[in-house]
Amino acid sequence: MEWQGILAALFSAIMLGGAPILAKLAYQEGADPTTVVILRAGLAALTLWVFYLIHPRWRRYLYIYPVGLLGCLAVGFTNALGSIFYYLGLYRLDAAVAHLIYSMYPILVAVMTRLNGEPIPGLTRLRILLASLGLVLLLGRFQGTPDLPGVLLVLLSSGFYALHVVLSQRVLYEMPAQTLTLYALTAMAAFTPVAGWVFGNPHSSVPSGALGPIFAMAAVLMLSRLGMFMGVKRLGGTQTALLTVMEILVTVALAVGWLGERLTPIQWAGASLMVISILLVIRESPRAPLPRWRMPLLPPADG
């Protein structure tokens, strides 16, 4: 049992579960979604570079071959597009609605993984089914039709996030998660302004009240990506995506505890199915798939 990978994936999910709430706080202060995404990615990448450069034990993760760098650029590019679409959609939708729609990505990861020729064990299929049923029951709490453009934007973001998870699995065959985190977030910080100017309308100024939530979002992005990539490295994309279903529960819990929302018995049943899906990982033997290519990206560590 790869407990380090499981704990890393769950840590990533817990961190990400609070991101929609922080974004809504920044929006309430007058920040526009594109500016929020650009600053979030830039601050996260800058902080990582400072940490890697000043910390002797992490400095070795700066080393990367050109082929590996291209893989990181692909991961960062898809993540940048997904982030722009998500936060533009979140601006038009309630946080819980947006995140529940976005959380369809574990199913998309499983589909992409299967199309890539990797088998999906029977217990994993059961967990996908339980998580999907739980999501449907949780969605039953919302009345009326959500904003259609917002829904489409979030669905697009879910697809790009799933692709980013699958790409990261291939890049991580021989690259440390710490190296991928640094260069993927750097690529994301570089691509996000371009995507933002194409799909959004970033403002040059940011309200002072929005800076706190944006800094918190940058910390969440940095730590959650490191945890997620460590999970993908040890477990593979499908298993990690299923464990990060926990972020839905975190978002719902914050909505109930902080915003005063309430769930019906049917929605609690849906949450219970998602918890069962997560706990069933104990019955599996999660491990990352065997590599499909070999490319050395990091020199041996010093003794």
Protein backbone atom coordinates (compact mmCIF):
# COMPACT_ATOMS: atom_id res chain seq x y z
CA MET A 1 0.00 0.00 0.00
CA GLU A 2 1.48 3.35 -1.10
CA TRP A 3 0.44 5.34 1.95
CA GLN A 4 2.71 8.26 1.08
CA GLY A 5 0.92 8.67 -2.25
CA ILE A 6 -2.50 8.31 -0.63
CA LEU A 7 -1.74 10.92 2.03
CA ALA A 8 -0.26 13.28 -0.58
CA ALA A 9 -3.39 13.01 -2.76
CA LEU A 10 -5.72 13.55 0.21
CA PHE A 11 -3.66 16.55 1.34
CA SER A 12 -3.99 18.01 -2.17
CA ALA A 13 -7.76 17.47 -2.10
CA ILE A 14 -8.19 19.11 1.30
CA MET A 15 -6.22 22.15 0.15
CA LEU A 16 -8.13 22.46 -3.13
CA GLY A 17 -11.50 22.17 -1.40
CA GLY A 18 -11.09 25.67 0.02
CA ALA A 19 -10.02 27.31 -3.26
CA PRO A 20 -13.56 28.17 -4.50
CA ILE A 21 -14.38 29.87 -1.19
CA LEU A 22 -11.20 31.95 -1.35
CA ALA A 23 -11.96 32.93 -4.95
CA LYS A 24 -15.47 34.04 -4.01
CA LEU A 25 -14.00 36.19 -1.23
CA ALA A 26 -11.67 37.85 -3.76
CA TYR A 27 -14.61 38.43 -6.14
CA GLN A 28 -16.65 39.99 -3.35
CA GLU A 29 -13.83 42.48 -2.81
CA GLY A 30 -14.03 43.52 -6.47
CA ALA A 31 -11.29 41.45 -8.12
CA ASP A 32 -12.00 40.09 -11.60
CA PRO A 33 -11.48 36.34 -12.23
CA THR A 34 -8.73 36.67 -14.84
CA THR A 35 -6.59 38.88 -12.63
CA VAL A 36 -7.12 36.48 -9.72
CA VAL A 37 -5.88 33.51 -11.79
CA ILE A 38 -2.87 35.39 -13.18
CA LEU A 39 -1.71 36.59 -9.76
CA ARG A 40 -2.40 33.21 -8.15
CA ALA A 41 -0.18 31.35 -10.61
CA GLY A 42 2.55 33.99 -10.66
CA LEU A 43 2.85 34.20 -6.88
CA ALA A 44 2.92 30.41 -6.54
CA ALA A 45 5.67 30.00 -9.15
CA LEU A 46 7.75 32.87 -7.72
CA THR A 47 7.52 31.44 -4.19
CA LEU A 48 8.61 28.01 -5.40
CA TRP A 49 11.64 29.42 -7.23
CA VAL A 50 12.75 31.33 -4.14
CA PHE A 51 12.34 28.24 -1.95
CA TYR A 52 14.17 25.92 -4.35
CA LEU A 53 17.05 28.35 -4.79
CA ILE A 54 17.65 28.98 -1.10
CA HIS A 55 17.05 25.43 0.18
CA PRO A 56 20.12 23.22 -0.41
CA ARG A 57 18.22 19.91 -0.34
CA TRP A 58 15.67 21.11 -2.91
CA ARG A 59 18.14 22.85 -5.23
CA ARG A 60 18.93 19.60 -7.01
CA TYR A 61 15.33 19.46 -8.29
CA LEU A 62 16.13 22.40 -10.57
CA TYR A 63 17.95 20.00 -12.91
CA ILE A 64 15.94 18.93 -15.96
CA TYR A 65 16.58 17.74 -19.53
CA PRO A 66 14.97 19.53 -22.51
CA VAL A 67 12.58 16.64 -23.22
CA GLY A 68 11.36 16.75 -19.64
CA LEU A 69 10.95 20.51 -19.86
CA LEU A 70 8.69 20.07 -22.89
CA GLY A 71 6.54 17.68 -20.86
CA CYS A 72 6.30 20.22 -18.05
CA LEU A 73 5.28 22.91 -20.55
CA ALA A 74 2.44 20.68 -21.78
CA VAL A 75 1.26 20.04 -18.21
CA GLY A 76 1.44 23.74 -17.34
CA PHE A 77 -0.34 24.82 -20.54
CA THR A 78 -3.33 22.52 -20.01
CA ASN A 79 -3.49 23.53 -16.35
CA ALA A 80 -3.45 27.23 -17.30
CA LEU A 81 -6.38 26.80 -19.71
CA GLY A 82 -8.30 24.78 -17.14
CA SER A 83 -7.75 27.42 -14.45
CA ILE A 84 -8.91 30.28 -16.66
CA PHE A 85 -12.07 28.43 -17.68
CA TYR A 86 -12.80 27.37 -14.09
CA TYR A 87 -12.52 30.79 -12.49
CA LEU A 88 -14.44 32.47 -15.31
CA GLY A 89 -17.20 29.90 -14.75
CA LEU A 90 -16.98 30.27 -10.97
CA TYR A 91 -17.58 34.02 -11.38
CA ARG A 92 -20.99 33.19 -12.90
CA LEU A 93 -21.98 30.30 -10.59
CA ASP A 94 -22.23 29.56 -6.90
CA ALA A 95 -19.05 28.04 -5.51
CA ALA A 96 -20.65 24.71 -4.60
CA VAL A 97 -22.38 24.38 -7.98
CA ALA A 98 -19.19 25.14 -9.90
CA HIS A 99 -17.04 22.76 -7.88
CA LEU A 100 -19.50 19.90 -8.10
CA ILE A 101 -19.62 20.22 -11.90
CA TYR A 102 -15.83 20.54 -12.06
CA SER A 103 -15.43 17.42 -9.94
CA MET A 104 -16.48 15.21 -12.84
CA TYR A 105 -12.79 15.13 -13.80
CA PRO A 106 -11.98 11.79 -12.07
CA ILE A 107 -14.36 10.09 -14.52
CA LEU A 108 -12.66 11.86 -17.41
CA VAL A 109 -9.24 10.80 -16.11
CA ALA A 110 -10.40 7.18 -16.00
CA VAL A 111 -11.76 7.42 -19.57
CA MET A 112 -8.54 8.99 -20.88
CA THR A 113 -6.47 6.39 -19.05
CA ARG A 114 -8.53 3.58 -20.56
CA LEU A 115 -8.21 5.09 -24.06
CA ASN A 116 -4.47 5.14 -23.48
CA GLY A 117 -4.60 1.35 -23.18
CA GLU A 118 -4.19 1.03 -19.42
CA PRO A 119 -6.59 -1.42 -17.69
CA ILE A 120 -9.02 -0.24 -15.02
CA PRO A 121 -9.47 -2.86 -12.25
CA GLY A 122 -12.97 -3.91 -11.25
CA LEU A 123 -12.78 -2.32 -7.80
CA THR A 124 -11.63 0.96 -9.35
CA ARG A 125 -14.67 0.85 -11.65
CA LEU A 126 -16.88 0.34 -8.61
CA ARG A 127 -15.30 3.34 -6.91
CA ILE A 128 -15.89 5.46 -10.04
CA LEU A 129 -19.55 4.37 -10.03
CA LEU A 130 -19.98 5.18 -6.32
CA ALA A 131 -18.34 8.58 -6.72
CA SER A 132 -20.52 9.36 -9.76
CA LEU A 133 -23.73 8.36 -7.96
CA GLY A 134 -22.71 10.42 -4.95
CA LEU A 135 -22.09 13.44 -7.17
CA VAL A 136 -25.52 13.06 -8.80
CA LEU A 137 -27.21 12.94 -5.38
CA LEU A 138 -25.29 16.00 -4.19
CA LEU A 139 -26.27 17.91 -7.33
CA GLY A 140 -29.89 17.31 -6.40
CA ARG A 141 -29.63 20.06 -3.79
CA PHE A 142 -29.72 22.79 -6.41
CA GLN A 143 -33.00 24.11 -7.78
CA GLY A 144 -33.43 25.71 -11.17
CA THR A 145 -31.04 25.83 -14.11
CA PRO A 146 -27.54 27.20 -13.47
CA ASP A 147 -26.06 29.80 -15.82
CA LEU A 148 -25.38 27.83 -19.04
CA PRO A 149 -22.19 29.67 -20.12
CA GLY A 150 -20.84 29.22 -16.59
CA VAL A 151 -21.62 25.50 -16.68
CA LEU A 152 -19.90 25.10 -20.07
CA LEU A 153 -16.81 26.97 -18.85
CA VAL A 154 -16.52 24.74 -15.78
CA LEU A 155 -17.03 21.59 -17.87
CA LEU A 156 -14.20 22.72 -20.15
CA SER A 157 -12.00 23.33 -17.13
CA SER A 158 -12.78 19.83 -15.85
CA GLY A 159 -11.69 18.32 -19.17
CA PHE A 160 -8.42 20.28 -19.25
CA TYR A 161 -7.69 19.39 -15.62
CA ALA A 162 -8.23 15.70 -16.39
CA LEU A 163 -5.87 15.97 -19.37
CA HIS A 164 -3.31 17.71 -17.16
CA VAL A 165 -3.46 14.80 -14.67
CA VAL A 166 -2.97 12.21 -17.44
CA LEU A 167 -0.07 14.17 -18.96
CA SER A 168 1.56 14.53 -15.55
CA GLN A 169 1.43 10.75 -15.08
CA ARG A 170 3.48 10.25 -18.25
CA VAL A 171 5.97 13.00 -17.33
CA LEU A 172 6.38 11.58 -13.82
CA TYR A 173 7.59 8.18 -15.01
CA GLU A 174 11.15 9.27 -14.25
CA MET A 175 10.81 12.86 -13.07
CA PRO A 176 10.52 13.72 -9.37
CA ALA A 177 7.25 15.33 -8.34
CA GLN A 178 9.21 18.31 -6.97
CA THR A 179 10.75 19.00 -10.39
CA LEU A 180 7.44 18.74 -12.22
CA THR A 181 5.73 21.00 -9.67
CA LEU A 182 8.31 23.76 -10.16
CA TYR A 183 8.41 23.77 -13.96
CA ALA A 184 4.71 23.04 -14.51
CA LEU A 185 3.71 25.94 -12.25
CA THR A 186 6.29 28.15 -13.96
CA ALA A 187 4.79 27.24 -17.34
CA MET A 188 1.32 27.82 -15.92
CA ALA A 189 2.36 31.27 -14.68
CA ALA A 190 3.71 32.07 -18.17
CA PHE A 191 0.69 30.77 -20.11
CA THR A 192 -2.06 32.07 -17.81
CA PRO A 193 -1.69 35.77 -18.75
CA VAL A 194 -1.88 34.88 -22.44
CA ALA A 195 -4.99 32.74 -21.92
CA GLY A 196 -6.44 35.42 -19.66
CA TRP A 197 -6.05 38.15 -22.25
CA VAL A 198 -7.63 35.92 -24.90
CA PHE A 199 -10.60 34.64 -22.86
CA GLY A 200 -10.99 37.30 -20.19
CA ASN A 201 -10.38 40.96 -19.42
CA PRO A 202 -7.75 41.33 -16.70
CA HIS A 203 -7.60 44.61 -14.79
CA SER A 204 -4.36 46.38 -14.01
CA SER A 205 -5.33 47.10 -10.39
CA VAL A 206 -6.38 44.75 -7.61
CA PRO A 207 -8.49 45.87 -4.63
CA SER A 208 -6.45 45.68 -1.43
CA GLY A 209 -9.14 43.57 0.25
CA ALA A 210 -8.68 40.87 -2.39
CA LEU A 211 -4.95 40.45 -1.82
CA GLY A 212 -5.33 38.21 1.23
CA PRO A 213 -7.53 35.62 -0.52
CA ILE A 214 -5.30 35.73 -3.61
CA PHE A 215 -2.14 35.08 -1.55
CA ALA A 216 -3.96 32.21 0.17
CA MET A 217 -4.98 30.82 -3.24
CA ALA A 218 -1.34 30.93 -4.37
CA ALA A 219 -0.30 28.91 -1.31
CA VAL A 220 -3.11 26.43 -1.96
CA LEU A 221 -2.05 26.07 -5.61
CA MET A 222 1.60 25.52 -4.73
CA LEU A 223 1.02 22.97 -1.97
CA SER A 224 -1.85 21.15 -3.65
CA ARG A 225 0.04 20.63 -6.91
CA LEU A 226 3.04 19.27 -5.04
CA GLY A 227 0.77 16.85 -3.18
CA MET A 228 -1.12 15.87 -6.31
CA PHE A 229 2.02 15.18 -8.36
CA MET A 230 3.46 13.12 -5.51
CA GLY A 231 0.22 11.15 -5.51
CA VAL A 232 0.30 10.63 -9.28
CA LYS A 233 3.96 9.57 -9.06
CA ARG A 234 3.15 6.78 -6.59
CA LEU A 235 -0.43 5.82 -7.47
CA GLY A 236 -1.10 6.84 -11.07
CA GLY A 237 -3.59 9.34 -12.42
CA THR A 238 -6.85 7.41 -11.94
CA GLN A 239 -6.23 6.45 -8.30
CA THR A 240 -5.10 9.98 -7.43
CA ALA A 241 -8.13 11.54 -9.14
CA LEU A 242 -10.47 9.24 -7.20
CA LEU A 243 -8.85 10.21 -3.90
CA THR A 244 -9.11 13.92 -4.73
CA VAL A 245 -12.90 13.49 -4.75
CA MET A 246 -12.35 14.46 -1.10
CA GLU A 247 -12.15 18.10 -2.24
CA ILE A 248 -15.88 18.02 -3.04
CA LEU A 249 -16.60 17.01 0.54
CA VAL A 250 -14.35 19.78 1.85
CA THR A 251 -16.16 22.36 -0.27
CA VAL A 252 -19.58 21.11 0.86
CA ALA A 253 -18.42 21.03 4.50
CA LEU A 254 -17.24 24.64 4.26
CA ALA A 255 -20.56 25.63 2.68
CA VAL A 256 -22.46 23.95 5.53
CA GLY A 257 -20.24 25.09 8.39
CA TRP A 258 -19.22 28.55 7.19
CA LEU A 259 -21.99 29.71 4.88
CA GLY A 260 -24.83 28.07 6.81
CA GLU A 261 -26.10 25.88 3.97
CA ARG A 262 -27.94 22.65 4.75
CA LEU A 263 -28.07 19.24 3.07
CA THR A 264 -31.12 17.02 2.74
CA PRO A 265 -30.96 13.32 3.68
CA ILE A 266 -30.49 12.49 -0.04
CA GLN A 267 -27.48 14.78 -0.28
CA TRP A 268 -26.00 13.24 2.89
CA ALA A 269 -26.44 9.84 1.22
CA GLY A 270 -24.50 11.15 -1.80
CA ALA A 271 -21.71 12.41 0.46
CA SER A 272 -21.63 9.00 2.16
CA LEU A 273 -21.20 7.22 -1.20
CA MET A 274 -18.25 9.47 -2.01
CA VAL A 275 -16.66 8.72 1.37
CA ILE A 276 -17.10 4.98 0.73
CA SER A 277 -15.46 5.41 -2.68
CA ILE A 278 -12.45 7.03 -1.02
CA LEU A 279 -12.21 4.44 1.79
CA LEU A 280 -12.28 1.53 -0.66
CA VAL A 281 -8.72 2.46 -1.62
CA ILE A 282 -7.73 0.32 1.39
CA ARG A 283 -8.92 -2.77 -0.52
CA GLU A 284 -6.86 -1.92 -3.58
CA SER A 285 -3.15 -2.10 -4.24
CA PRO A 286 -2.65 1.31 -5.79
CA ARG A 287 0.54 1.77 -7.70
CA ALA A 288 1.61 3.85 -10.65
CA PRO A 289 1.51 2.09 -14.06
CA LEU A 290 4.73 0.80 -15.54
CA PRO A 291 6.53 3.39 -17.66
CA ARG A 292 5.99 3.45 -21.41
CA TRP A 293 9.26 5.20 -22.11
CA ARG A 294 12.50 5.89 -20.32
CA MET A 295 14.09 9.32 -20.07
CA PRO A 296 16.50 10.28 -17.30
CA LEU A 297 15.57 13.68 -15.93
CA LEU A 298 17.38 13.89 -12.63
CA PRO A 299 20.93 12.94 -11.68
CA PRO A 300 21.45 10.60 -8.73
CA ALA A 301 21.19 12.30 -5.35
CA ASP A 302 24.39 13.05 -3.53
CA GLY A 303 25.13 10.65 -0.70
